Each structure stands twice: as structure tokens, then as C-alpha cells.
Amino acid sequence: MNHNTEQQFQTIMALQGAEALKEAVTRLRTFLSNRAITGADIQLPHYLWSARRGGGVSTLAQAFAEYLHAEQAIEFCGKVRSFEFTLDYSAPDQHFSGLWQLENELSDAAGHRRAFKGVVCIHIDVWVEHTNEAHFKDFLQYVASKSKDILTIFCIRTDDKAKAVDAALATHLRIEALALRFPGAGELADLVEHKYLERAGFTLTKGAKDILTASIAEIASAKEFNGFQTTRQLAQDIVYSVLAAGVSTGRVTAKMLSPFKCDGDYVKRAKTKAKEHIPRVIGFTGEEVPYGDTPEL
């Protein structure tokens, strides 16, 4: 294993809340090693990921694609190694443009190359109740026709429908289903503390940490919680508030975090903002904050 491959593997192993992906990548590494030894002509499976919204799917998909590239597990060709696509719903009596839209995305991703080869993350959440409809079956048949060149990750935001969706996908493709756990409030509080506050020269008292954890839990209770984006915004607002109060380094106390209490206006606004802002995810331009690491403030 070369240095880049090991680096990409460790990047995934350091992610928070992605145990299922870590286990899958560990199995995949063993498979790739044995495939190289035996020369077996076996393709990788495609995937069904179930993860709540805001759970870092964009980051995970990109990290997974980078690992596959480092391992030379699949062939890559085009101006990007991976991209995301949201398949809109069309009723049986409506015109279905999903195939045309995906074909355009593939053409764009290919750039000046003849065809795109790599990873495509397809969000099919609006189809979980409609997997037996003709439009969806046509879409799966089209994706299956590209399976030698494209590794597809299907994404949904519900666990209770995962088995039914898995069964529908399996009629056309070899599928490995992964349920991606979203980090709990305590883990997100640790992320804020270690990846943001400590980098800015601050540590939390126990009382402050309790307030932070409770506030994150309250914000996360919103159905539309935007995960790492919202958590990063909270971290930035806390650092801004502390610095604006004249504190440049040292301990952050519970009193300093009083504006961010779970029953305060900030948390109420954060929950409302989450409900009003539900972005359409296509491409990595709006990618979420990574599970295991976050950009500098």
C-alpha cells in the first residue's frame, strides 16, 4: 500500500459517526488485496447509504471516491472523480426527465474526455415509496447499463424503508447497504471544542460543555437539522461572541455561553433557520463539513 492509499484509508478511519463505512472500507481493502493476488475479475458492489440529512454524505462520498482512486479500485476518467445528483420525482402519468438530466451531468463530468468514469452519488429519497413504478425501473436499467464505468451510491434519509429500496435496487445491481449513524450531541460538542475552540485558543469549563451539548441536542431535534453546516455555524458564532466580549484566550465559562442556552433565542432561531433552508445538493460546491475534520475558522 503506497503512502497516498494509506493516507486516504486513515482519513476515512478518522471520521465520526461512520462506523458502517469504515467497516465496508476495511472489507474492501481486504477484497482488493486478494483480488490482486488471485486475478479474479470481480467488480465492486454498488451502494445504498441511509443517513439523516446533514449527516455529511457529501463529504463521505468524496472521501470514499478519493480512497477508491488511491487504491486504483476502479477506473477514473473525467474532470472530476465523483459528483452528486438528485433524482426528482415524476408521477407515472408525467414526463420523466431523470435519464436526460443524469446523462447531461455525466457528459459535464466527462469534460473533454469521451465518457465519465468514477463515482456518482444519487439521492433518491423522494422515490422510496415509488420503487415499483416504471420510471424508477427505467432509471435503474439505465444506471445498470453504466455499471462497468460508474460506481453508484444511492442515498436515502430513512432507515425504515431501506430494506424495500435495497430489494428494488438489487433487481438490477449488486448492492451493499450501509446505515450511516449521525454523531450524537456529545460527539458534536467534542467536535466544536477540539476543532474550533481549541484552535482559537479556548477550552471549555464543564458547565460550558454541558450548555453546548444541550444546545446542540436541541438544535438537532429539528427534523431538517443541517448537521455539520449548522454545527460549524454555532462554533463560529461562539468564538465570535467570546472574542467580541474582549476575551482573547483561556477558559470559556457557562456564563459566557449563556446566549447559546438551549432555551434561548439563538437556538430557537437556529431551529427555524434549519426549517427554512433545505438546499438541493448537486455537486460538491455546497459540501458539508467533514465528520472527522473541519476547515479552519
C-alpha atoms as a PDB file:
ATOM      1  CA  MET A   1       0.000   0.000   0.000  1.00  0.00           C
ATOM      2  CA  ASN A   2       1.505   3.340  -1.051  1.00  0.00           C
ATOM      3  CA  HIS A   3       1.556   6.459   1.117  1.00  0.00           C
ATOM      4  CA  ASN A   4      -1.427   8.129  -0.576  1.00  0.00           C
ATOM      5  CA  THR A   5      -3.544   4.990  -0.272  1.00  0.00           C
ATOM      6  CA  GLU A   6      -2.752   4.683   3.428  1.00  0.00           C
ATOM      7  CA  GLN A   7      -3.459   8.385   3.920  1.00  0.00           C
ATOM      8  CA  GLN A   8      -6.873   8.125   2.262  1.00  0.00           C
ATOM      9  CA  PHE A   9      -7.667   4.997   4.281  1.00  0.00           C
ATOM     10  CA  GLN A  10      -6.762   6.719   7.543  1.00  0.00           C
ATOM     11  CA  THR A  11      -8.857   9.746   6.558  1.00  0.00           C
ATOM     12  CA  ILE A  12     -11.919   7.517   6.446  1.00  0.00           C
ATOM     13  CA  MET A  13     -10.939   5.686   9.630  1.00  0.00           C
ATOM     14  CA  ALA A  14     -10.802   9.044  11.462  1.00  0.00           C
ATOM     15  CA  LEU A  15     -14.373  10.006  10.547  1.00  0.00           C
ATOM     16  CA  GLN A  16     -17.005  10.354  13.259  1.00  0.00           C
ATOM     17  CA  GLY A  17     -20.316   8.518  13.085  1.00  0.00           C
ATOM     18  CA  ALA A  18     -19.327   6.489  10.024  1.00  0.00           C
ATOM     19  CA  GLU A  19     -18.700   3.072  11.535  1.00  0.00           C
ATOM     20  CA  ALA A  20     -20.568   1.248   8.761  1.00  0.00           C
ATOM     21  CA  LEU A  21     -18.465   2.936   6.097  1.00  0.00           C
ATOM     22  CA  LYS A  22     -15.258   2.198   7.986  1.00  0.00           C
ATOM     23  CA  GLU A  23     -16.199  -1.479   8.201  1.00  0.00           C
ATOM     24  CA  ALA A  24     -17.095  -1.543   4.494  1.00  0.00           C
ATOM     25  CA  VAL A  25     -13.797   0.080   3.511  1.00  0.00           C
ATOM     26  CA  THR A  26     -11.859  -2.354   5.704  1.00  0.00           C
ATOM     27  CA  ARG A  27     -13.584  -5.281   3.971  1.00  0.00           C
ATOM     28  CA  LEU A  28     -12.967  -3.627   0.627  1.00  0.00           C
ATOM     29  CA  ARG A  29      -9.250  -3.254   1.323  1.00  0.00           C
ATOM     30  CA  THR A  30      -9.020  -6.988   2.052  1.00  0.00           C
ATOM     31  CA  PHE A  31     -11.016  -7.770  -1.096  1.00  0.00           C
ATOM     32  CA  LEU A  32      -8.783  -5.597  -3.281  1.00  0.00           C
ATOM     33  CA  SER A  33      -5.649  -7.211  -1.880  1.00  0.00           C
ATOM     34  CA  ASN A  34      -6.962 -10.699  -2.562  1.00  0.00           C
ATOM     35  CA  ARG A  35      -8.302  -9.707  -5.980  1.00  0.00           C
ATOM     36  CA  ALA A  36      -4.831  -8.534  -6.941  1.00  0.00           C
ATOM     37  CA  ILE A  37      -3.318 -11.834  -5.803  1.00  0.00           C
ATOM     38  CA  THR A  38      -5.875 -14.111  -7.461  1.00  0.00           C
ATOM     39  CA  GLY A  39      -6.560 -12.010 -10.540  1.00  0.00           C
ATOM     40  CA  ALA A  40     -10.287 -12.550 -10.074  1.00  0.00           C
ATOM     41  CA  ASP A  41     -12.339 -10.380 -12.419  1.00  0.00           C
ATOM     42  CA  ILE A  42     -14.887  -9.237  -9.835  1.00  0.00           C
ATOM     43  CA  GLN A  43     -16.374  -5.738  -9.820  1.00  0.00           C
ATOM     44  CA  LEU A  44     -17.064  -3.768  -6.671  1.00  0.00           C
ATOM     45  CA  PRO A  45     -20.675  -3.616  -5.470  1.00  0.00           C
ATOM     46  CA  HIS A  46     -22.769  -0.507  -5.721  1.00  0.00           C
ATOM     47  CA  TYR A  47     -24.098   1.004  -2.506  1.00  0.00           C
ATOM     48  CA  LEU A  48     -27.229   2.114  -0.730  1.00  0.00           C
ATOM     49  CA  TRP A  49     -26.490   4.610   2.031  1.00  0.00           C
ATOM     50  CA  SER A  50     -29.168   5.588   4.507  1.00  0.00           C
ATOM     51  CA  ALA A  51     -28.252   8.681   6.504  1.00  0.00           C
ATOM     52  CA  ARG A  52     -30.181  11.552   8.026  1.00  0.00           C
ATOM     53  CA  ARG A  53     -29.982  14.883   6.281  1.00  0.00           C
ATOM     54  CA  GLY A  54     -26.923  16.878   7.294  1.00  0.00           C
ATOM     55  CA  GLY A  55     -25.031  13.690   8.067  1.00  0.00           C
ATOM     56  CA  GLY A  56     -22.031  14.523   5.919  1.00  0.00           C
ATOM     57  CA  VAL A  57     -22.972  12.356   2.933  1.00  0.00           C
ATOM     58  CA  SER A  58     -21.227  14.729   0.503  1.00  0.00           C
ATOM     59  CA  THR A  59     -18.007  14.523   2.478  1.00  0.00           C
ATOM     60  CA  LEU A  60     -18.229  10.751   2.894  1.00  0.00           C
ATOM     61  CA  ALA A  61     -18.871  10.200  -0.814  1.00  0.00           C
ATOM     62  CA  GLN A  62     -15.929  12.356  -1.772  1.00  0.00           C
ATOM     63  CA  ALA A  63     -13.623  10.668   0.762  1.00  0.00           C
ATOM     64  CA  PHE A  64     -14.731   7.251  -0.484  1.00  0.00           C
ATOM     65  CA  ALA A  65     -14.063   8.234  -4.101  1.00  0.00           C
ATOM     66  CA  GLU A  66     -10.609   9.503  -3.191  1.00  0.00           C
ATOM     67  CA  TYR A  67      -9.851   6.214  -1.443  1.00  0.00           C
ATOM     68  CA  LEU A  68     -11.009   4.189  -4.456  1.00  0.00           C
ATOM     69  CA  HIS A  69      -8.820   6.338  -6.691  1.00  0.00           C
ATOM     70  CA  ALA A  70      -5.790   5.873  -4.451  1.00  0.00           C
ATOM     71  CA  GLU A  71      -6.374   2.111  -4.421  1.00  0.00           C
ATOM     72  CA  GLN A  72      -6.959   2.051  -8.191  1.00  0.00           C
ATOM     73  CA  ALA A  73     -10.022   0.018  -7.269  1.00  0.00           C
ATOM     74  CA  ILE A  74     -11.992   1.307 -10.264  1.00  0.00           C
ATOM     75  CA  GLU A  75     -11.101   3.279 -13.359  1.00  0.00           C
ATOM     76  CA  PHE A  76     -11.464   7.045 -13.240  1.00  0.00           C
ATOM     77  CA  CYS A  77     -11.841   9.332 -16.233  1.00  0.00           C
ATOM     78  CA  GLY A  78     -13.166  12.876 -16.473  1.00  0.00           C
ATOM     79  CA  LYS A  79     -12.678  16.289 -14.939  1.00  0.00           C
ATOM     80  CA  VAL A  80     -13.921  15.108 -11.514  1.00  0.00           C
ATOM     81  CA  ARG A  81     -13.721  11.783  -9.688  1.00  0.00           C
ATOM     82  CA  SER A  82     -17.212  11.969  -8.230  1.00  0.00           C
ATOM     83  CA  PHE A  83     -20.344  14.072  -8.254  1.00  0.00           C
ATOM     84  CA  GLU A  84     -23.823  14.121  -6.729  1.00  0.00           C
ATOM     85  CA  PHE A  85     -27.160  14.008  -8.483  1.00  0.00           C
ATOM     86  CA  THR A  86     -30.675  14.389  -7.107  1.00  0.00           C
ATOM     87  CA  LEU A  87     -33.308  12.360  -8.944  1.00  0.00           C
ATOM     88  CA  ASP A  88     -36.552  14.342  -8.934  1.00  0.00           C
ATOM     89  CA  TYR A  89     -39.854  12.502  -8.705  1.00  0.00           C
ATOM     90  CA  SER A  90     -42.161  12.185 -11.688  1.00  0.00           C
ATOM     91  CA  ALA A  91     -45.587  10.579 -11.368  1.00  0.00           C
ATOM     92  CA  PRO A  92     -46.396   7.649 -13.691  1.00  0.00           C
ATOM     93  CA  ASP A  93     -48.534   9.886 -15.925  1.00  0.00           C
ATOM     94  CA  GLN A  94     -45.876  12.614 -16.144  1.00  0.00           C
ATOM     95  CA  HIS A  95     -42.903  13.016 -18.427  1.00  0.00           C
ATOM     96  CA  PHE A  96     -39.766  11.605 -16.804  1.00  0.00           C
ATOM     97  CA  SER A  97     -36.649  13.670 -17.436  1.00  0.00           C
ATOM     98  CA  GLY A  98     -34.374  11.924 -14.931  1.00  0.00           C
ATOM     99  CA  LEU A  99     -32.433   9.946 -17.539  1.00  0.00           C
ATOM    100  CA  TRP A 100     -31.795  13.028 -19.655  1.00  0.00           C
ATOM    101  CA  GLN A 101     -30.711  15.049 -16.619  1.00  0.00           C
ATOM    102  CA  LEU A 102     -28.268  12.385 -15.430  1.00  0.00           C
ATOM    103  CA  GLU A 103     -26.895  11.968 -18.944  1.00  0.00           C
ATOM    104  CA  ASN A 104     -26.186  15.711 -19.031  1.00  0.00           C
ATOM    105  CA  GLU A 105     -24.445  15.534 -15.648  1.00  0.00           C
ATOM    106  CA  LEU A 106     -22.315  12.620 -16.848  1.00  0.00           C
ATOM    107  CA  SER A 107     -21.392  14.499 -20.013  1.00  0.00           C
ATOM    108  CA  ASP A 108     -20.411  17.560 -17.997  1.00  0.00           C
ATOM    109  CA  ALA A 109     -18.343  15.460 -15.574  1.00  0.00           C
ATOM    110  CA  ALA A 110     -16.535  13.848 -18.505  1.00  0.00           C
ATOM    111  CA  GLY A 111     -15.214  17.209 -19.632  1.00  0.00           C
ATOM    112  CA  HIS A 112     -13.182  16.839 -22.816  1.00  0.00           C
ATOM    113  CA  ARG A 113     -12.940  13.075 -22.270  1.00  0.00           C
ATOM    114  CA  ARG A 114     -15.127  10.675 -24.183  1.00  0.00           C
ATOM    115  CA  ALA A 115     -17.019   9.464 -21.105  1.00  0.00           C
ATOM    116  CA  PHE A 116     -17.072   9.860 -17.342  1.00  0.00           C
ATOM    117  CA  LYS A 117     -15.769   7.025 -15.198  1.00  0.00           C
ATOM    118  CA  GLY A 118     -15.880   7.259 -11.416  1.00  0.00           C
ATOM    119  CA  VAL A 119     -18.360   7.581  -8.547  1.00  0.00           C
ATOM    120  CA  VAL A 120     -21.852   9.049  -8.729  1.00  0.00           C
ATOM    121  CA  CYS A 121     -23.858   9.688  -5.556  1.00  0.00           C
ATOM    122  CA  ILE A 122     -27.576   9.685  -6.433  1.00  0.00           C
ATOM    123  CA  HIS A 123     -30.139  10.993  -3.949  1.00  0.00           C
ATOM    124  CA  ILE A 124     -33.366   9.023  -4.375  1.00  0.00           C
ATOM    125  CA  ASP A 125     -35.170   9.955  -1.172  1.00  0.00           C
ATOM    126  CA  VAL A 126     -38.331  11.084  -2.987  1.00  0.00           C
ATOM    127  CA  TRP A 127     -38.577   7.656  -4.630  1.00  0.00           C
ATOM    128  CA  VAL A 128     -38.612   5.447  -1.527  1.00  0.00           C
ATOM    129  CA  GLU A 129     -42.388   4.987  -1.822  1.00  0.00           C
ATOM    130  CA  HIS A 130     -42.292   4.571  -5.599  1.00  0.00           C
ATOM    131  CA  THR A 131     -39.619   1.979  -6.344  1.00  0.00           C
ATOM    132  CA  ASN A 132     -42.092  -0.240  -8.217  1.00  0.00           C
ATOM    133  CA  GLU A 133     -43.026   2.472 -10.701  1.00  0.00           C
ATOM    134  CA  ALA A 134     -41.919   2.261 -14.325  1.00  0.00           C
ATOM    135  CA  HIS A 135     -39.923   5.492 -14.279  1.00  0.00           C
ATOM    136  CA  PHE A 136     -37.745   4.283 -11.430  1.00  0.00           C
ATOM    137  CA  LYS A 137     -37.230   0.887 -13.064  1.00  0.00           C
ATOM    138  CA  ASP A 138     -36.198   2.616 -16.295  1.00  0.00           C
ATOM    139  CA  PHE A 139     -33.757   4.716 -14.327  1.00  0.00           C
ATOM    140  CA  LEU A 140     -32.247   1.655 -12.651  1.00  0.00           C
ATOM    141  CA  GLN A 141     -31.917  -0.076 -16.009  1.00  0.00           C
ATOM    142  CA  TYR A 142     -30.035   2.949 -17.326  1.00  0.00           C
ATOM    143  CA  VAL A 143     -27.725   3.058 -14.283  1.00  0.00           C
ATOM    144  CA  ALA A 144     -27.104  -0.678 -14.610  1.00  0.00           C
ATOM    145  CA  SER A 145     -26.056  -0.166 -18.240  1.00  0.00           C
ATOM    146  CA  LYS A 146     -23.320   2.180 -16.960  1.00  0.00           C
ATOM    147  CA  SER A 147     -22.203  -0.061 -14.104  1.00  0.00           C
ATOM    148  CA  LYS A 148     -18.900  -1.089 -15.697  1.00  0.00           C
ATOM    149  CA  ASP A 149     -17.755   2.532 -15.736  1.00  0.00           C
ATOM    150  CA  ILE A 150     -19.617   4.047 -12.801  1.00  0.00           C
ATOM    151  CA  LEU A 151     -19.833   3.029  -9.157  1.00  0.00           C
ATOM    152  CA  THR A 152     -23.155   4.313  -7.874  1.00  0.00           C
ATOM    153  CA  ILE A 153     -24.015   5.277  -4.312  1.00  0.00           C
ATOM    154  CA  PHE A 154     -27.775   5.597  -3.814  1.00  0.00           C
ATOM    155  CA  CYS A 155     -28.692   7.787  -0.848  1.00  0.00           C
ATOM    156  CA  ILE A 156     -31.869   7.945   1.225  1.00  0.00           C
ATOM    157  CA  ARG A 157     -32.678   9.691   4.507  1.00  0.00           C
ATOM    158  CA  THR A 158     -34.701   6.961   6.156  1.00  0.00           C
ATOM    159  CA  ASP A 159     -33.840   3.625   7.730  1.00  0.00           C
ATOM    160  CA  ASP A 160     -37.326   2.118   7.842  1.00  0.00           C
ATOM    161  CA  LYS A 161     -37.576   1.971   4.023  1.00  0.00           C
ATOM    162  CA  ALA A 162     -34.003   0.848   3.422  1.00  0.00           C
ATOM    163  CA  LYS A 163     -34.847  -2.855   3.055  1.00  0.00           C
ATOM    164  CA  ALA A 164     -37.545  -2.200   0.452  1.00  0.00           C
ATOM    165  CA  VAL A 165     -35.289   0.160  -1.505  1.00  0.00           C
ATOM    166  CA  ASP A 166     -32.419  -2.316  -1.257  1.00  0.00           C
ATOM    167  CA  ALA A 167     -34.629  -5.031  -2.717  1.00  0.00           C
ATOM    168  CA  ALA A 168     -35.677  -2.787  -5.607  1.00  0.00           C
ATOM    169  CA  LEU A 169     -32.085  -1.816  -6.412  1.00  0.00           C
ATOM    170  CA  ALA A 170     -30.931  -5.436  -6.185  1.00  0.00           C
ATOM    171  CA  THR A 171     -33.126  -6.375  -9.154  1.00  0.00           C
ATOM    172  CA  HIS A 172     -30.674  -4.503 -11.376  1.00  0.00           C
ATOM    173  CA  LEU A 173     -27.397  -4.140  -9.449  1.00  0.00           C
ATOM    174  CA  ARG A 174     -25.220  -5.809  -6.821  1.00  0.00           C
ATOM    175  CA  ILE A 175     -25.898  -3.689  -3.745  1.00  0.00           C
ATOM    176  CA  GLU A 176     -24.257  -3.319  -0.352  1.00  0.00           C
ATOM    177  CA  ALA A 177     -26.457  -1.395   2.083  1.00  0.00           C
ATOM    178  CA  LEU A 178     -24.917   0.813   4.781  1.00  0.00           C
ATOM    179  CA  ALA A 179     -26.723   2.654   7.584  1.00  0.00           C
ATOM    180  CA  LEU A 180     -24.630   5.685   8.483  1.00  0.00           C
ATOM    181  CA  ARG A 181     -25.066   6.802  12.074  1.00  0.00           C
ATOM    182  CA  PHE A 182     -25.182  10.527  12.685  1.00  0.00           C
ATOM    183  CA  PRO A 183     -22.892  11.652  15.541  1.00  0.00           C
ATOM    184  CA  GLY A 184     -24.668  12.394  18.819  1.00  0.00           C
ATOM    185  CA  ALA A 185     -24.805  15.764  20.545  1.00  0.00           C
ATOM    186  CA  GLY A 186     -21.857  14.853  22.773  1.00  0.00           C
ATOM    187  CA  GLU A 187     -19.698  13.949  19.781  1.00  0.00           C
ATOM    188  CA  LEU A 188     -20.635  17.175  18.014  1.00  0.00           C
ATOM    189  CA  ALA A 189     -19.837  19.150  21.164  1.00  0.00           C
ATOM    190  CA  ASP A 190     -16.410  17.480  21.195  1.00  0.00           C
ATOM    191  CA  LEU A 191     -16.003  18.460  17.546  1.00  0.00           C
ATOM    192  CA  VAL A 192     -16.805  22.104  18.332  1.00  0.00           C
ATOM    193  CA  GLU A 193     -14.449  22.092  21.307  1.00  0.00           C
ATOM    194  CA  HIS A 194     -11.447  20.388  19.728  1.00  0.00           C
ATOM    195  CA  LYS A 195     -11.697  21.512  16.113  1.00  0.00           C
ATOM    196  CA  TYR A 196     -12.804  25.104  16.650  1.00  0.00           C
ATOM    197  CA  LEU A 197     -12.432  26.444  20.170  1.00  0.00           C
ATOM    198  CA  GLU A 198      -9.068  24.867  20.916  1.00  0.00           C
ATOM    199  CA  ARG A 199      -7.696  26.054  17.589  1.00  0.00           C
ATOM    200  CA  ALA A 200      -8.731  29.561  18.594  1.00  0.00           C
ATOM    201  CA  GLY A 201      -7.012  29.197  21.977  1.00  0.00           C
ATOM    202  CA  PHE A 202     -10.029  28.365  24.155  1.00  0.00           C
ATOM    203  CA  THR A 203     -11.071  25.480  26.393  1.00  0.00           C
ATOM    204  CA  LEU A 204     -14.472  24.807  27.932  1.00  0.00           C
ATOM    205  CA  THR A 205     -15.362  24.507  31.595  1.00  0.00           C
ATOM    206  CA  LYS A 206     -17.620  21.590  32.482  1.00  0.00           C
ATOM    207  CA  GLY A 207     -20.606  23.918  32.814  1.00  0.00           C
ATOM    208  CA  ALA A 208     -19.929  25.437  29.408  1.00  0.00           C
ATOM    209  CA  LYS A 209     -19.571  21.991  27.836  1.00  0.00           C
ATOM    210  CA  ASP A 210     -22.919  20.952  29.331  1.00  0.00           C
ATOM    211  CA  ILE A 211     -24.609  24.030  27.849  1.00  0.00           C
ATOM    212  CA  LEU A 212     -23.031  23.385  24.453  1.00  0.00           C
ATOM    213  CA  THR A 213     -24.092  19.729  24.409  1.00  0.00           C
ATOM    214  CA  ALA A 214     -27.672  20.534  25.438  1.00  0.00           C
ATOM    215  CA  SER A 215     -27.952  23.277  22.825  1.00  0.00           C
ATOM    216  CA  ILE A 216     -26.690  21.050  20.031  1.00  0.00           C
ATOM    217  CA  ALA A 217     -29.155  18.352  21.082  1.00  0.00           C
ATOM    218  CA  GLU A 218     -31.991  20.882  20.942  1.00  0.00           C
ATOM    219  CA  ILE A 219     -30.980  22.212  17.521  1.00  0.00           C
ATOM    220  CA  ALA A 220     -30.544  18.667  16.216  1.00  0.00           C
ATOM    221  CA  SER A 221     -34.081  17.806  17.298  1.00  0.00           C
ATOM    222  CA  ALA A 222     -35.345  19.786  14.314  1.00  0.00           C
ATOM    223  CA  LYS A 223     -36.280  17.368  11.537  1.00  0.00           C
ATOM    224  CA  GLU A 224     -34.458  19.489   8.976  1.00  0.00           C
ATOM    225  CA  PHE A 225     -31.280  19.874  11.049  1.00  0.00           C
ATOM    226  CA  ASN A 226     -28.492  20.653   8.629  1.00  0.00           C
ATOM    227  CA  GLY A 227     -25.875  18.684  10.505  1.00  0.00           C
ATOM    228  CA  PHE A 228     -22.308  19.810  10.214  1.00  0.00           C
ATOM    229  CA  GLN A 229     -23.114  23.096   8.490  1.00  0.00           C
ATOM    230  CA  THR A 230     -25.261  24.158  11.443  1.00  0.00           C
ATOM    231  CA  THR A 231     -22.681  22.867  13.937  1.00  0.00           C
ATOM    232  CA  ARG A 232     -19.920  24.833  12.240  1.00  0.00           C
ATOM    233  CA  GLN A 233     -22.062  27.969  12.279  1.00  0.00           C
ATOM    234  CA  LEU A 234     -22.679  27.501  16.008  1.00  0.00           C
ATOM    235  CA  ALA A 235     -18.947  27.114  16.630  1.00  0.00           C
ATOM    236  CA  GLN A 236     -18.135  30.245  14.672  1.00  0.00           C
ATOM    237  CA  ASP A 237     -20.802  32.247  16.479  1.00  0.00           C
ATOM    238  CA  ILE A 238     -19.479  31.131  19.855  1.00  0.00           C
ATOM    239  CA  VAL A 239     -15.908  32.122  19.009  1.00  0.00           C
ATOM    240  CA  TYR A 240     -17.116  35.449  17.616  1.00  0.00           C
ATOM    241  CA  SER A 241     -19.167  36.125  20.750  1.00  0.00           C
ATOM    242  CA  VAL A 242     -16.268  35.331  23.090  1.00  0.00           C
ATOM    243  CA  LEU A 243     -13.780  37.440  21.130  1.00  0.00           C
ATOM    244  CA  ALA A 244     -16.254  40.313  20.850  1.00  0.00           C
ATOM    245  CA  ALA A 245     -16.669  40.233  24.635  1.00  0.00           C
ATOM    246  CA  GLY A 246     -12.964  41.032  24.972  1.00  0.00           C
ATOM    247  CA  VAL A 247     -11.680  37.550  25.808  1.00  0.00           C
ATOM    248  CA  SER A 248      -8.730  36.595  23.597  1.00  0.00           C
ATOM    249  CA  THR A 249      -7.734  33.253  25.118  1.00  0.00           C
ATOM    250  CA  GLY A 250      -8.336  30.935  28.077  1.00  0.00           C
ATOM    251  CA  ARG A 251     -11.370  29.241  29.595  1.00  0.00           C
ATOM    252  CA  VAL A 252     -14.872  29.637  28.222  1.00  0.00           C
ATOM    253  CA  THR A 253     -17.330  29.536  31.133  1.00  0.00           C
ATOM    254  CA  ALA A 254     -21.014  28.725  31.341  1.00  0.00           C
ATOM    255  CA  LYS A 255     -21.753  32.436  31.793  1.00  0.00           C
ATOM    256  CA  MET A 256     -20.009  33.234  28.511  1.00  0.00           C
ATOM    257  CA  LEU A 257     -22.203  30.674  26.757  1.00  0.00           C
ATOM    258  CA  SER A 258     -25.462  31.910  28.290  1.00  0.00           C
ATOM    259  CA  PRO A 259     -26.604  33.413  24.928  1.00  0.00           C
ATOM    260  CA  PHE A 260     -26.395  29.912  23.468  1.00  0.00           C
ATOM    261  CA  LYS A 261     -28.512  28.059  26.052  1.00  0.00           C
ATOM    262  CA  CYS A 262     -30.956  25.526  24.663  1.00  0.00           C
ATOM    263  CA  ASP A 263     -34.000  27.613  25.672  1.00  0.00           C
ATOM    264  CA  GLY A 264     -32.539  30.872  24.349  1.00  0.00           C
ATOM    265  CA  ASP A 265     -33.264  32.918  21.244  1.00  0.00           C
ATOM    266  CA  TYR A 266     -30.160  31.735  19.399  1.00  0.00           C
ATOM    267  CA  VAL A 267     -31.199  28.090  19.490  1.00  0.00           C
ATOM    268  CA  LYS A 268     -34.786  28.971  18.541  1.00  0.00           C
ATOM    269  CA  ARG A 269     -33.514  30.914  15.525  1.00  0.00           C
ATOM    270  CA  ALA A 270     -31.168  28.069  14.567  1.00  0.00           C
ATOM    271  CA  LYS A 271     -34.050  25.591  14.532  1.00  0.00           C
ATOM    272  CA  THR A 272     -36.198  27.951  12.467  1.00  0.00           C
ATOM    273  CA  LYS A 273     -33.363  28.599  10.036  1.00  0.00           C
ATOM    274  CA  ALA A 274     -32.915  24.864   9.526  1.00  0.00           C
ATOM    275  CA  LYS A 275     -36.558  24.511   8.536  1.00  0.00           C
ATOM    276  CA  GLU A 276     -36.342  27.381   6.064  1.00  0.00           C
ATOM    277  CA  HIS A 277     -33.105  26.342   4.414  1.00  0.00           C
ATOM    278  CA  ILE A 278     -33.210  22.949   2.741  1.00  0.00           C
ATOM    279  CA  PRO A 279     -30.664  23.099  -0.101  1.00  0.00           C
ATOM    280  CA  ARG A 280     -30.748  20.938  -3.178  1.00  0.00           C
ATOM    281  CA  VAL A 281     -27.473  19.031  -3.208  1.00  0.00           C
ATOM    282  CA  ILE A 282     -25.788  18.654  -6.566  1.00  0.00           C
ATOM    283  CA  GLY A 283     -22.022  18.546  -6.869  1.00  0.00           C
ATOM    284  CA  PHE A 284     -19.538  19.353  -4.152  1.00  0.00           C
ATOM    285  CA  THR A 285     -19.883  23.133  -4.241  1.00  0.00           C
ATOM    286  CA  GLY A 286     -22.084  23.067  -1.155  1.00  0.00           C
ATOM    287  CA  GLU A 287     -20.373  20.178   0.571  1.00  0.00           C
ATOM    288  CA  GLU A 288     -20.901  19.629   4.248  1.00  0.00           C
ATOM    289  CA  VAL A 289     -18.292  19.898   6.973  1.00  0.00           C
ATOM    290  CA  PRO A 290     -16.304  16.635   7.261  1.00  0.00           C
ATOM    291  CA  TYR A 291     -17.064  14.150  10.010  1.00  0.00           C
ATOM    292  CA  GLY A 292     -13.536  13.784  11.299  1.00  0.00           C
ATOM    293  CA  ASP A 293     -12.084  17.176  10.447  1.00  0.00           C
ATOM    294  CA  THR A 294     -13.251  20.678   9.726  1.00  0.00           C
ATOM    295  CA  PRO A 295     -11.775  23.612   7.854  1.00  0.00           C
ATOM    296  CA  GLU A 296     -10.082  26.408   9.703  1.00  0.00           C
ATOM    297  CA  LEU A 297     -12.225  29.200  11.088  1.00  0.00           C
END
